[in-house]
Protein backbone atom coordinates (compact mmCIF):
# COMPACT_ATOMS: atom_id res chain seq x y z
CA MET A 1 89.64 138.68 145.60
CA SER A 2 90.61 139.41 142.02
CA GLU A 3 90.94 136.80 139.29
CA ASP A 4 94.74 136.93 139.46
CA GLN A 5 94.69 136.44 143.22
CA ARG A 6 92.32 133.48 142.95
CA ALA A 7 94.47 131.93 140.23
CA SER A 8 97.59 132.46 142.34
CA ASP A 9 95.90 130.94 145.39
CA LEU A 10 94.73 127.90 143.42
CA LYS A 11 98.23 127.43 142.01
CA ARG A 12 99.72 127.66 145.51
CA ARG A 13 97.26 125.09 146.89
CA ARG A 14 97.89 122.77 143.96
CA GLN A 15 101.62 123.00 144.56
CA LEU A 16 101.15 122.24 148.27
CA ARG A 17 99.04 119.16 147.47
CA GLN A 18 101.66 118.01 144.98
CA ASN A 19 104.43 118.44 147.55
CA VAL A 20 102.45 116.47 150.13
CA SER A 21 101.79 113.69 147.63
CA GLU A 22 105.48 113.49 146.74
CA GLU A 23 106.42 113.40 150.42
CA GLN A 24 103.91 110.63 151.08
CA LEU A 25 105.22 108.66 148.11
CA LEU A 26 108.81 109.02 149.27
CA ALA A 27 107.83 108.03 152.81
CA LYS A 28 105.99 104.97 151.49
CA ARG A 29 108.96 103.94 149.36
CA HIS A 30 111.29 104.38 152.34
CA SER A 31 108.96 102.30 154.52
CA GLU A 32 108.82 99.49 151.96
CA ALA A 33 112.61 99.54 151.54
CA GLU A 34 113.09 99.44 155.32
CA ARG A 35 110.64 96.55 155.64
CA SER A 36 112.48 94.68 152.88
CA ARG A 37 115.83 95.26 154.61
CA ARG A 38 114.47 94.00 157.93
CA HIS A 39 113.08 90.94 156.18
CA ARG A 40 116.48 90.17 154.65
CA GLN A 41 118.16 90.62 158.03
CA LYS A 42 115.87 87.99 159.55
CA MET A 43 116.77 85.51 156.82
CA SER A 44 119.42 82.93 157.52
CA LYS A 45 122.67 82.86 155.60
CA ASP A 46 121.47 79.99 153.43
CA GLN A 47 118.17 81.75 152.71
CA ARG A 48 119.95 84.94 151.67
CA ALA A 49 122.30 82.96 149.44
CA SER A 50 119.35 81.16 147.87
CA GLU A 51 117.52 84.45 147.25
CA LEU A 52 120.60 86.04 145.69
CA GLU A 53 121.10 82.99 143.48
CA ARG A 54 117.46 83.13 142.35
CA ARG A 55 117.72 86.80 141.43
CA ARG A 56 121.06 86.22 139.67
CA GLN A 57 119.52 83.40 137.64
CA CYS A 58 116.52 85.57 136.73
CA ARG A 59 118.87 88.35 135.66
CA GLN A 60 120.87 85.97 133.48
CA ASN A 61 117.71 84.60 131.86
CA MET A 62 116.48 88.12 131.16
CA CYS A 63 119.79 89.10 129.58
CA LYS A 64 119.76 85.93 127.49
CA GLU A 65 116.24 86.65 126.22
CA GLN A 66 117.16 90.23 125.38
CA SER A 67 120.23 89.09 123.45
CA LEU A 68 118.10 86.65 121.44
CA THR A 69 115.23 89.01 120.66
CA SER A 70 116.68 92.51 120.52
CA THR A 71 118.21 94.11 117.45
CA ALA A 72 120.48 97.11 117.19
CA ASN A 73 119.28 100.51 116.03
CA THR A 74 121.20 102.66 113.62
CA ASP A 75 122.77 104.51 116.55
CA GLY A 76 124.11 101.24 117.95
CA VAL A 77 121.74 101.15 120.94
CA SER A 78 119.79 97.93 121.45
CA ARG A 79 116.04 98.20 121.20
CA LYS A 80 114.09 97.64 124.41
CA PHE A 81 111.00 95.47 124.42
CA ALA A 82 108.06 95.74 126.80
CA GLN A 83 107.78 93.04 129.43
CA LEU A 84 104.86 90.66 129.39
CA TYR A 85 102.37 91.70 132.06
CA ILE A 86 99.12 90.16 130.80
CA LEU A 87 99.87 86.52 130.07
CA ASP A 88 102.27 85.79 132.89
CA THR A 89 102.39 88.33 135.69
CA ALA A 90 104.50 86.05 137.89
CA GLU A 91 107.26 85.94 135.28
CA ALA A 92 107.14 89.71 134.84
CA THR A 93 107.44 90.21 138.60
CA SER A 94 110.38 87.83 138.80
CA LYS A 95 112.18 89.66 135.99
CA ARG A 96 111.64 93.07 137.55
CA LEU A 97 112.82 91.86 140.97
CA ALA A 98 116.01 90.59 139.33
CA MET A 99 116.95 94.11 138.24
CA PRO A 100 119.63 95.70 140.45
CA GLU A 101 117.66 98.93 140.83
CA ASN A 102 114.73 96.97 142.31
CA GLN A 103 116.66 95.12 144.98
CA ASP A 104 114.96 97.09 147.77
CA CYS A 105 111.44 96.59 146.41
CA SER A 106 108.89 94.59 148.34
CA GLU A 107 108.29 91.36 146.47
CA ARG A 108 104.96 90.83 148.21
CA LEU A 109 103.72 94.30 147.22
CA MET A 110 104.80 93.89 143.60
CA ILE A 111 103.06 90.51 143.36
CA ASN A 112 99.87 91.99 144.83
CA ILE A 113 99.97 94.87 142.34
CA ASN A 114 100.44 92.47 139.43
CA ASN A 115 97.58 90.28 140.63
CA LEU A 116 95.35 93.35 140.87
CA MET A 117 96.31 94.42 137.34
CA HIS A 118 95.52 90.92 136.12
CA GLU A 119 92.09 91.00 137.78
CA ILE A 120 90.94 94.42 136.57
CA ASN A 121 92.43 94.30 133.05
CA GLU A 122 89.71 93.19 130.65
CA LEU A 123 92.31 92.18 128.06
CA THR A 124 93.46 89.28 130.23
CA LYS A 125 90.18 87.52 129.50
CA SER A 126 91.04 87.45 125.79
CA TYR A 127 94.14 85.30 126.17
CA LYS A 128 94.73 81.67 127.03
CA MET A 129 97.96 79.76 127.19
CA LEU A 130 98.14 76.32 125.60
CA HIS A 131 98.55 74.63 128.98
CA GLU A 132 95.34 76.35 130.13
CA VAL A 133 93.47 75.08 127.05
CA GLU A 134 94.79 71.57 127.67
CA LYS A 135 93.79 71.67 131.35
CA GLU A 136 90.26 72.80 130.49
CA ALA A 137 89.94 70.06 127.86
CA GLN A 138 91.10 67.44 130.36
CA SER A 139 88.58 68.64 132.94
CA GLU A 140 85.77 68.61 130.40
CA ALA A 141 86.68 65.10 129.23
CA ALA A 142 86.86 63.84 132.82
CA ALA A 143 83.39 65.25 133.50
CA LYS A 144 82.10 63.23 130.53
CA GLY A 145 83.79 60.04 131.72
CA SER A 146 86.47 60.13 129.04
CA GLN A 147 90.19 60.67 128.82
CA LEU A 148 92.23 62.58 126.26
CA ALA A 149 94.99 60.76 124.44
CA ALA A 150 97.73 62.07 122.17
CA PRO A 151 98.16 60.73 118.60
CA GLU A 152 100.13 57.50 118.25
CA ALA A 153 102.53 59.20 115.84
CA PRO A 154 103.63 62.84 116.09
CA SER A 155 102.19 65.32 113.64
CA VAL A 156 104.50 66.50 110.89
CA PRO A 157 103.60 70.12 110.13
CA GLN A 158 103.96 71.27 106.57
CA HIS A 159 104.48 74.87 107.63
CA SER A 160 107.98 76.25 108.12
CA HIS A 161 107.59 77.88 111.52
CA GLY A 162 110.79 76.57 113.05
CA ALA A 163 111.44 73.99 115.72
CA ASP A 164 109.93 76.11 118.47
CA ALA A 165 106.41 76.24 116.97
CA GLU A 166 103.76 74.89 119.34
CA LEU A 167 101.01 72.58 118.15
CA VAL A 168 97.61 72.10 119.67
CA THR A 169 95.41 69.19 118.56
CA LEU A 170 91.65 69.19 118.79
CA LEU A 171 90.62 66.03 120.60
CA ALA A 172 86.99 64.90 120.45
CA THR A 173 85.00 62.80 122.91
CA GLN A 174 82.11 60.48 122.24
CA LEU A 175 79.61 63.14 123.28
CA SER A 176 81.05 65.98 121.22
CA VAL A 177 80.18 67.08 117.71
CA PRO A 178 83.00 66.76 115.14
CA PRO A 179 84.20 70.16 113.91
CA ALA A 180 83.25 71.18 110.40
CA GLN A 181 85.85 71.34 107.67
CA SER A 182 87.71 74.63 107.87
CA ALA A 183 88.30 76.79 104.83
CA THR A 184 91.92 77.08 105.92
CA PRO A 185 93.97 73.96 105.11
CA ALA A 186 95.03 72.14 108.26
CA THR A 187 98.08 70.00 108.82
CA PRO A 188 97.13 66.32 108.54
CA SER A 189 98.17 63.85 111.22
CA PRO A 190 99.56 60.44 110.23
CA ALA A 191 97.46 58.87 112.98
CA PRO A 192 94.30 60.57 114.29
CA PRO A 193 93.98 61.22 118.03
CA ARG A 194 92.14 58.54 119.95
CA LEU A 195 89.56 58.72 122.65
CA LEU A 196 90.22 56.44 125.60
CA ALA A 197 86.86 55.86 127.27
CA ASN A 198 86.46 55.11 130.96
CA HIS A 199 83.60 53.65 133.01
CA GLY A 200 82.95 50.75 130.64
CA HIS A 201 82.68 52.79 127.42
CA SER A 202 84.25 51.31 124.32
CA GLU A 203 87.27 52.88 122.68
CA GLY A 204 86.40 55.28 119.89
CA LEU A 205 88.23 57.08 117.13
CA VAL A 206 88.16 60.77 116.35
CA PRO A 207 86.57 61.45 112.94
CA PRO A 208 89.13 61.98 110.16
CA ASN A 209 88.03 65.58 109.62
CA CYS A 210 89.27 66.61 113.07
CA PRO A 211 92.09 69.04 112.15
CA THR A 212 95.38 69.76 113.80
CA LEU A 213 95.76 73.50 114.26
CA LEU A 214 99.00 75.43 114.42
CA ALA A 215 98.97 77.79 117.39
């Protein structure tokens, strides 16, 4: 067999494999769509109405976010922003399911795919939401027989980050070491956070050099 014949045969086999893969993909999509339709048919009228209302609400929220964050290009077309897959896969799944073109998608399959992406993506280990930080701090304090308490008076940030800026306060326990003074100026709190001790421990105060950080 000449070189041209071998190249032609390889090209033909590659094309056959590609056609088979496309057919399998189409068959899988059709199967998922059929399974989704059967699932909706088994739902009661109230369940279908509730599901439609949930998707409609998700679609409205997505449109509202796009209107608040997107800006127009010179050609008049709004810019499109990537959805958030790393920090909140559940929210990303909900937004994609709310799209009209995804109405036949399997919600269970999409959630499983997002969970898998979240597990195998190393970047997910580099991020933490504030509520996760707070939960970990509460668990650590409970293990030491202490309880976290918010400042008596709210912090007044000196930075102009707008009303939506989130604040996270470092709260110390009796067994922790006070953080060293940071080279970056921190926003002072009118009243320092307190430590409420359990199991017979006396109430203690956080050292004055415990900063309030702007997240």
